[in-house]
């Protein structure tokens, strides 16, 4: 089984809690869900909420090639 990183976005708004889980390959779908939630009049999730969380999804995608920090003492000589 391969390990995939799961990204988590969460918003608490009044009595509602919105939690979005997505992996790097499903960013586009996650953005689409944010839009569908914003367009649903039965939810308190607004277009502003979708824009803020969508920006976080986009920012995360620009940091996908992060380098893991290894303390000097743990590095191979």
C-alpha atoms as a PDB file:
ATOM      1  CA  UNK A   1       0.000   0.000   0.000  1.00  0.00           C
ATOM      2  CA  UNK A   2       1.382   3.409  -0.928  1.00  0.00           C
ATOM      3  CA  UNK A   3       1.292   6.290   1.513  1.00  0.00           C
ATOM      4  CA  UNK A   4      -0.285   9.531   0.308  1.00  0.00           C
ATOM      5  CA  UNK A   5      -0.322  12.788   2.196  1.00  0.00           C
ATOM      6  CA  UNK A   6      -3.794  14.039   3.012  1.00  0.00           C
ATOM      7  CA  UNK A   7      -4.397  17.773   3.194  1.00  0.00           C
ATOM      8  CA  UNK A   8      -6.972  19.037   5.687  1.00  0.00           C
ATOM      9  CA  UNK A   9      -8.962  22.275   5.589  1.00  0.00           C
ATOM     10  CA  UNK A  10     -11.400  23.026   8.380  1.00  0.00           C
ATOM     11  CA  UNK A  11     -13.870  25.812   9.044  1.00  0.00           C
ATOM     12  CA  UNK A  12     -16.122  26.213  12.071  1.00  0.00           C
ATOM     13  CA  UNK A  13     -18.973  28.585  11.408  1.00  0.00           C
ATOM     14  CA  UNK A  14     -21.698  28.898  13.987  1.00  0.00           C
ATOM     15  CA  UNK A  15     -22.954  25.403  14.767  1.00  0.00           C
ATOM     16  CA  UNK A  16     -21.622  23.983  11.509  1.00  0.00           C
ATOM     17  CA  UNK A  17     -18.252  22.414  10.922  1.00  0.00           C
ATOM     18  CA  UNK A  18     -16.786  22.004   7.465  1.00  0.00           C
ATOM     19  CA  UNK A  19     -13.841  19.652   7.070  1.00  0.00           C
ATOM     20  CA  UNK A  20     -12.303  19.019   3.663  1.00  0.00           C
ATOM     21  CA  UNK A  21      -9.819  16.202   3.084  1.00  0.00           C
ATOM     22  CA  UNK A  22      -8.004  15.959  -0.231  1.00  0.00           C
ATOM     23  CA  UNK A  23      -4.732  14.713  -1.632  1.00  0.00           C
ATOM     24  CA  UNK A  24      -2.468  16.583  -4.016  1.00  0.00           C
ATOM     25  CA  UNK A  25      -3.971  14.910  -7.071  1.00  0.00           C
ATOM     26  CA  UNK A  26      -7.510  16.023  -6.170  1.00  0.00           C
ATOM     27  CA  UNK A  27      -6.969  19.770  -5.655  1.00  0.00           C
ATOM     28  CA  UNK A  28      -9.193  20.677  -8.589  1.00  0.00           C
ATOM     29  CA  UNK A  29     -12.025  18.569  -7.213  1.00  0.00           C
ATOM     30  CA  UNK A  30     -11.574  20.147  -3.761  1.00  0.00           C
ATOM     31  CA  UNK A  31     -11.906  23.617  -5.288  1.00  0.00           C
ATOM     32  CA  UNK A  32     -15.066  22.490  -7.069  1.00  0.00           C
ATOM     33  CA  UNK A  33     -16.575  21.252  -3.811  1.00  0.00           C
ATOM     34  CA  UNK A  34     -15.880  24.622  -2.190  1.00  0.00           C
ATOM     35  CA  UNK A  35     -17.849  26.276  -4.992  1.00  0.00           C
ATOM     36  CA  UNK A  36     -20.741  23.834  -4.704  1.00  0.00           C
ATOM     37  CA  UNK A  37     -20.945  24.390  -0.960  1.00  0.00           C
ATOM     38  CA  UNK A  38     -20.904  28.174  -1.444  1.00  0.00           C
ATOM     39  CA  UNK A  39     -23.752  27.971  -3.956  1.00  0.00           C
ATOM     40  CA  UNK A  40     -25.904  25.836  -1.630  1.00  0.00           C
ATOM     41  CA  UNK A  41     -28.433  28.150   0.084  1.00  0.00           C
ATOM     42  CA  UNK A  42     -29.065  25.542   2.807  1.00  0.00           C
ATOM     43  CA  UNK A  43     -25.522  25.965   4.138  1.00  0.00           C
ATOM     44  CA  UNK A  44     -23.961  28.917   5.934  1.00  0.00           C
ATOM     45  CA  UNK A  45     -20.829  28.371   3.799  1.00  0.00           C
ATOM     46  CA  UNK A  46     -20.362  31.582   1.802  1.00  0.00           C
ATOM     47  CA  UNK A  47     -18.479  32.580  -1.323  1.00  0.00           C
ATOM     48  CA  UNK A  48     -16.082  34.416   0.968  1.00  0.00           C
ATOM     49  CA  UNK A  49     -15.425  31.155   2.829  1.00  0.00           C
ATOM     50  CA  UNK A  50     -14.848  29.392  -0.499  1.00  0.00           C
ATOM     51  CA  UNK A  51     -12.439  32.109  -1.629  1.00  0.00           C
ATOM     52  CA  UNK A  52     -10.401  32.011   1.590  1.00  0.00           C
ATOM     53  CA  UNK A  53     -10.181  28.219   1.693  1.00  0.00           C
ATOM     54  CA  UNK A  54      -9.574  28.059  -2.069  1.00  0.00           C
ATOM     55  CA  UNK A  55      -6.612  30.390  -1.625  1.00  0.00           C
ATOM     56  CA  UNK A  56      -5.206  28.018   1.003  1.00  0.00           C
ATOM     57  CA  UNK A  57      -5.539  25.108  -1.443  1.00  0.00           C
ATOM     58  CA  UNK A  58      -3.722  27.091  -4.123  1.00  0.00           C
ATOM     59  CA  UNK A  59      -0.975  28.243  -1.733  1.00  0.00           C
ATOM     60  CA  UNK A  60      -0.382  24.685  -0.622  1.00  0.00           C
ATOM     61  CA  UNK A  61       0.041  23.553  -4.221  1.00  0.00           C
ATOM     62  CA  UNK A  62       2.892  26.015  -4.713  1.00  0.00           C
ATOM     63  CA  UNK A  63       4.729  24.439  -1.764  1.00  0.00           C
ATOM     64  CA  UNK A  64       4.434  20.801  -2.814  1.00  0.00           C
ATOM     65  CA  UNK A  65       8.139  20.459  -3.465  1.00  0.00           C
ATOM     66  CA  UNK A  66       9.236  21.082   0.108  1.00  0.00           C
ATOM     67  CA  UNK A  67      12.556  19.926   1.441  1.00  0.00           C
ATOM     68  CA  UNK A  68      12.517  17.978   4.666  1.00  0.00           C
ATOM     69  CA  UNK A  69      14.673  19.521   7.389  1.00  0.00           C
ATOM     70  CA  UNK A  70      17.323  17.170   8.742  1.00  0.00           C
ATOM     71  CA  UNK A  71      19.289  18.427  11.742  1.00  0.00           C
ATOM     72  CA  UNK A  72      23.072  18.504  11.121  1.00  0.00           C
ATOM     73  CA  UNK A  73      23.682  15.743  13.700  1.00  0.00           C
ATOM     74  CA  UNK A  74      21.370  13.375  11.777  1.00  0.00           C
ATOM     75  CA  UNK A  75      22.892  13.915   8.342  1.00  0.00           C
ATOM     76  CA  UNK A  76      25.036  11.250   6.769  1.00  0.00           C
ATOM     77  CA  UNK A  77      28.675  12.272   6.573  1.00  0.00           C
END
